[in-house]
Amino acid sequence: MKENWKESTYDPLLQDANWIEKREEVLKRDDYKCRYCGDNTKLEVHHIFYMVDKLPWQYPDKLLITLCSECHSRWHKLYGIEYCSNTGKPLTLYVSGRPRKY
């Protein structure tokens, strides 16, 4: 997986009306608070991992979480950017290009 995948193809999708609606649903579900620290400012909806065959709004709710920008940044520093390829085999997450099996 290329690190620039998200930058080149994913970020523009976050402007789509479908994502904006899904994002609002997740924020509301999480009571407009960061699920880690409880802050209610600079909120972002984090995809726990990226699925290369799904659009941002096609993820199940359980794979989306509200984080403040600080916790979101911290998450990516700790875990990198995770990509999922699901081909009927065990789930593989790619963290900074290195596969991990789950």
C-alpha atoms as a PDB file:
ATOM      1  CA  MET A   1       0.000   0.000   0.000  1.00  0.00           C
ATOM      2  CA  LYS A   2       1.234   3.450  -0.806  1.00  0.00           C
ATOM      3  CA  GLU A   3       1.259   6.072   1.927  1.00  0.00           C
ATOM      4  CA  ASN A   4      -0.117   8.679  -0.483  1.00  0.00           C
ATOM      5  CA  TRP A   5      -3.264   6.631  -1.181  1.00  0.00           C
ATOM      6  CA  LYS A   6      -5.265   8.626   1.362  1.00  0.00           C
ATOM      7  CA  GLU A   7      -3.950  11.997   0.253  1.00  0.00           C
ATOM      8  CA  SER A   8      -4.534  11.465  -3.438  1.00  0.00           C
ATOM      9  CA  THR A   9      -7.898   9.690  -3.462  1.00  0.00           C
ATOM     10  CA  TYR A  10      -9.458   9.738  -0.010  1.00  0.00           C
ATOM     11  CA  ASP A  11      -9.357  13.319   1.237  1.00  0.00           C
ATOM     12  CA  PRO A  12     -11.510  14.736  -1.606  1.00  0.00           C
ATOM     13  CA  LEU A  13     -14.233  12.224  -0.685  1.00  0.00           C
ATOM     14  CA  LEU A  14     -14.526  13.853   2.735  1.00  0.00           C
ATOM     15  CA  GLN A  15     -16.219  16.813   1.031  1.00  0.00           C
ATOM     16  CA  ASP A  16     -19.020  14.590  -0.305  1.00  0.00           C
ATOM     17  CA  ALA A  17     -22.541  15.125   1.099  1.00  0.00           C
ATOM     18  CA  ASN A  18     -22.743  11.400   1.985  1.00  0.00           C
ATOM     19  CA  TRP A  19     -19.663  11.677   4.229  1.00  0.00           C
ATOM     20  CA  ILE A  20     -20.862  14.937   5.781  1.00  0.00           C
ATOM     21  CA  GLU A  21     -24.139  13.215   6.730  1.00  0.00           C
ATOM     22  CA  LYS A  22     -22.386  10.086   8.084  1.00  0.00           C
ATOM     23  CA  ARG A  23     -19.913  12.230  10.034  1.00  0.00           C
ATOM     24  CA  GLU A  24     -22.773  14.122  11.678  1.00  0.00           C
ATOM     25  CA  GLU A  25     -24.450  10.825  12.673  1.00  0.00           C
ATOM     26  CA  VAL A  26     -21.237   9.644  14.364  1.00  0.00           C
ATOM     27  CA  LEU A  27     -20.687  12.959  16.145  1.00  0.00           C
ATOM     28  CA  LYS A  28     -24.264  12.843  17.441  1.00  0.00           C
ATOM     29  CA  ARG A  29     -23.904   9.195  18.533  1.00  0.00           C
ATOM     30  CA  ASP A  30     -20.784  10.151  20.503  1.00  0.00           C
ATOM     31  CA  ASP A  31     -22.556  13.140  22.085  1.00  0.00           C
ATOM     32  CA  TYR A  32     -20.211  15.579  20.307  1.00  0.00           C
ATOM     33  CA  LYS A  33     -17.299  14.582  22.560  1.00  0.00           C
ATOM     34  CA  CYS A  34     -13.930  12.945  22.028  1.00  0.00           C
ATOM     35  CA  ARG A  35     -14.266   9.294  23.009  1.00  0.00           C
ATOM     36  CA  TYR A  36     -10.817   9.392  24.667  1.00  0.00           C
ATOM     37  CA  CYS A  37     -10.503  12.683  26.511  1.00  0.00           C
ATOM     38  CA  GLY A  38     -14.065  14.044  26.482  1.00  0.00           C
ATOM     39  CA  ASP A  39     -13.109  17.329  24.803  1.00  0.00           C
ATOM     40  CA  ASN A  40     -15.853  18.883  22.696  1.00  0.00           C
ATOM     41  CA  THR A  41     -13.749  21.121  20.432  1.00  0.00           C
ATOM     42  CA  LYS A  42     -11.987  20.450  17.128  1.00  0.00           C
ATOM     43  CA  LEU A  43     -13.818  17.148  16.677  1.00  0.00           C
ATOM     44  CA  GLU A  44     -12.983  14.735  13.879  1.00  0.00           C
ATOM     45  CA  VAL A  45     -14.451  11.387  12.940  1.00  0.00           C
ATOM     46  CA  HIS A  46     -11.696   8.791  12.791  1.00  0.00           C
ATOM     47  CA  HIS A  47     -11.804   5.642  10.682  1.00  0.00           C
ATOM     48  CA  ILE A  48     -10.251   2.968  12.898  1.00  0.00           C
ATOM     49  CA  PHE A  49      -8.713   1.572   9.727  1.00  0.00           C
ATOM     50  CA  TYR A  50      -9.117   2.298   6.045  1.00  0.00           C
ATOM     51  CA  MET A  51     -10.826  -0.202   3.797  1.00  0.00           C
ATOM     52  CA  VAL A  52      -9.588   0.192   0.232  1.00  0.00           C
ATOM     53  CA  ASP A  53     -12.849  -1.124  -1.226  1.00  0.00           C
ATOM     54  CA  LYS A  54     -15.159   1.241   0.729  1.00  0.00           C
ATOM     55  CA  LEU A  55     -16.017   4.905   0.442  1.00  0.00           C
ATOM     56  CA  PRO A  56     -15.734   6.880   3.701  1.00  0.00           C
ATOM     57  CA  TRP A  57     -19.491   6.798   4.342  1.00  0.00           C
ATOM     58  CA  GLN A  58     -19.811   3.056   3.624  1.00  0.00           C
ATOM     59  CA  TYR A  59     -18.071   1.976   6.828  1.00  0.00           C
ATOM     60  CA  PRO A  60     -20.057   0.326   9.610  1.00  0.00           C
ATOM     61  CA  ASP A  61     -20.592   2.719  12.516  1.00  0.00           C
ATOM     62  CA  LYS A  62     -18.508   0.504  14.806  1.00  0.00           C
ATOM     63  CA  LEU A  63     -15.413   1.392  12.723  1.00  0.00           C
ATOM     64  CA  LEU A  64     -15.895   5.140  13.213  1.00  0.00           C
ATOM     65  CA  ILE A  65     -15.080   7.073  16.375  1.00  0.00           C
ATOM     66  CA  THR A  66     -15.184  10.735  17.395  1.00  0.00           C
ATOM     67  CA  LEU A  67     -11.808  12.113  18.435  1.00  0.00           C
ATOM     68  CA  CYS A  68     -10.562  15.625  19.078  1.00  0.00           C
ATOM     69  CA  SER A  69      -7.797  16.696  16.717  1.00  0.00           C
ATOM     70  CA  GLU A  70      -5.151  16.140  19.431  1.00  0.00           C
ATOM     71  CA  CYS A  71      -6.247  12.564  20.188  1.00  0.00           C
ATOM     72  CA  HIS A  72      -6.654  11.875  16.464  1.00  0.00           C
ATOM     73  CA  SER A  73      -3.081  12.996  15.824  1.00  0.00           C
ATOM     74  CA  ARG A  74      -1.867  10.945  18.799  1.00  0.00           C
ATOM     75  CA  TRP A  75      -3.692   7.853  17.453  1.00  0.00           C
ATOM     76  CA  HIS A  76      -1.904   8.078  14.109  1.00  0.00           C
ATOM     77  CA  LYS A  77       1.475   8.653  15.776  1.00  0.00           C
ATOM     78  CA  LEU A  78       0.973   5.500  17.873  1.00  0.00           C
ATOM     79  CA  TYR A  79      -0.610   3.233  15.260  1.00  0.00           C
ATOM     80  CA  GLY A  80       0.240   4.758  11.897  1.00  0.00           C
ATOM     81  CA  ILE A  81      -2.315   4.650   9.132  1.00  0.00           C
ATOM     82  CA  GLU A  82      -3.954   1.266   8.839  1.00  0.00           C
ATOM     83  CA  TYR A  83      -5.357  -0.127   5.608  1.00  0.00           C
ATOM     84  CA  CYS A  84      -7.507  -3.200   5.346  1.00  0.00           C
ATOM     85  CA  SER A  85      -7.617  -5.649   2.482  1.00  0.00           C
ATOM     86  CA  ASN A  86     -10.338  -8.223   2.929  1.00  0.00           C
ATOM     87  CA  THR A  87     -10.332 -10.917   0.275  1.00  0.00           C
ATOM     88  CA  GLY A  88     -12.071 -13.662   2.212  1.00  0.00           C
ATOM     89  CA  LYS A  89      -8.800 -14.521   3.950  1.00  0.00           C
ATOM     90  CA  PRO A  90      -7.975 -13.429   7.507  1.00  0.00           C
ATOM     91  CA  LEU A  91      -8.079  -9.666   7.888  1.00  0.00           C
ATOM     92  CA  THR A  92      -4.765  -7.989   7.158  1.00  0.00           C
ATOM     93  CA  LEU A  93      -4.014  -4.479   8.333  1.00  0.00           C
ATOM     94  CA  TYR A  94      -1.146  -2.601   6.756  1.00  0.00           C
ATOM     95  CA  VAL A  95       0.582  -0.306   9.208  1.00  0.00           C
ATOM     96  CA  SER A  96       3.100   1.915   7.486  1.00  0.00           C
ATOM     97  CA  GLY A  97       3.341  -0.716   4.747  1.00  0.00           C
ATOM     98  CA  ARG A  98       3.947  -3.651   7.101  1.00  0.00           C
ATOM     99  CA  PRO A  99       1.152  -6.254   7.255  1.00  0.00           C
ATOM    100  CA  ARG A 100      -0.282  -7.370  10.601  1.00  0.00           C
ATOM    101  CA  LYS A 101      -2.712 -10.286  10.793  1.00  0.00           C
ATOM    102  CA  TYR A 102      -5.754 -10.143  13.079  1.00  0.00           C
END
